[in-house]
Amino acid sequence: MILKNTVTQAPKNSAGKARWGIAFLPSFWFVQGFFFFRSALNYFFPVRSVIN
């Protein structure tokens, strides 16, 4: 009931939207940074055995 209420009121409530954004953005940037870092390592140091 509480989870359903927060999910339905998240787009309307600015505090709920900020809470979802704060919860979502660091994981997104962590994943993007991880893939970018791994591709940069593959580009500069092509040692597949160390990365994999």
Protein backbone atom coordinates (compact mmCIF):
# COMPACT_ATOMS: atom_id res chain seq x y z
CA MET A 1 0.00 0.00 0.00
CA ILE A 2 2.75 2.46 0.91
CA LEU A 3 4.96 1.37 -1.99
CA LYS A 4 2.02 1.66 -4.39
CA ASN A 5 1.24 5.12 -3.04
CA THR A 6 4.82 6.35 -3.52
CA VAL A 7 5.03 4.87 -7.03
CA THR A 8 1.79 6.50 -8.15
CA GLN A 9 2.63 9.87 -6.57
CA ALA A 10 6.27 9.97 -7.76
CA PRO A 11 5.65 11.88 -11.04
CA LYS A 12 3.36 14.43 -9.33
CA ASN A 13 5.45 14.99 -6.20
CA SER A 14 8.68 16.94 -6.67
CA ALA A 15 10.23 15.38 -3.56
CA GLY A 16 9.39 11.90 -4.82
CA LYS A 17 10.82 12.75 -8.24
CA ALA A 18 14.02 14.04 -6.65
CA ARG A 19 14.22 10.90 -4.50
CA TRP A 20 13.85 8.65 -7.58
CA GLY A 21 16.41 10.72 -9.48
CA ILE A 22 18.92 10.59 -6.62
CA ALA A 23 18.39 6.84 -6.34
CA PHE A 24 18.65 6.25 -10.09
CA LEU A 25 21.38 8.56 -11.37
CA PRO A 26 24.45 7.26 -9.43
CA SER A 27 23.83 3.68 -10.57
CA PHE A 28 23.40 4.88 -14.16
CA TRP A 29 26.63 6.89 -14.09
CA PHE A 30 28.43 3.99 -12.40
CA VAL A 31 27.39 1.62 -15.18
CA GLN A 32 28.27 4.13 -17.91
CA GLY A 33 31.62 4.89 -16.29
CA PHE A 34 32.37 1.20 -15.88
CA PHE A 35 31.75 0.44 -19.55
CA PHE A 36 33.67 3.55 -20.65
CA PHE A 37 36.58 2.67 -18.36
CA ARG A 38 36.67 -0.91 -19.62
CA SER A 39 36.53 0.19 -23.26
CA ALA A 40 39.30 2.73 -22.61
CA LEU A 41 41.42 0.01 -21.01
CA ASN A 42 40.76 -2.21 -24.02
CA TYR A 43 41.78 0.66 -26.32
CA PHE A 44 44.94 1.75 -24.53
CA PHE A 45 46.06 -1.57 -23.07
CA PRO A 46 44.73 -4.40 -25.28
CA VAL A 47 45.25 -7.15 -22.72
CA ARG A 48 42.05 -9.17 -22.83
CA SER A 49 43.10 -11.72 -20.22
CA VAL A 50 43.57 -9.11 -17.47
CA ILE A 51 40.21 -7.40 -18.11
CA ASN A 52 38.21 -10.58 -18.63
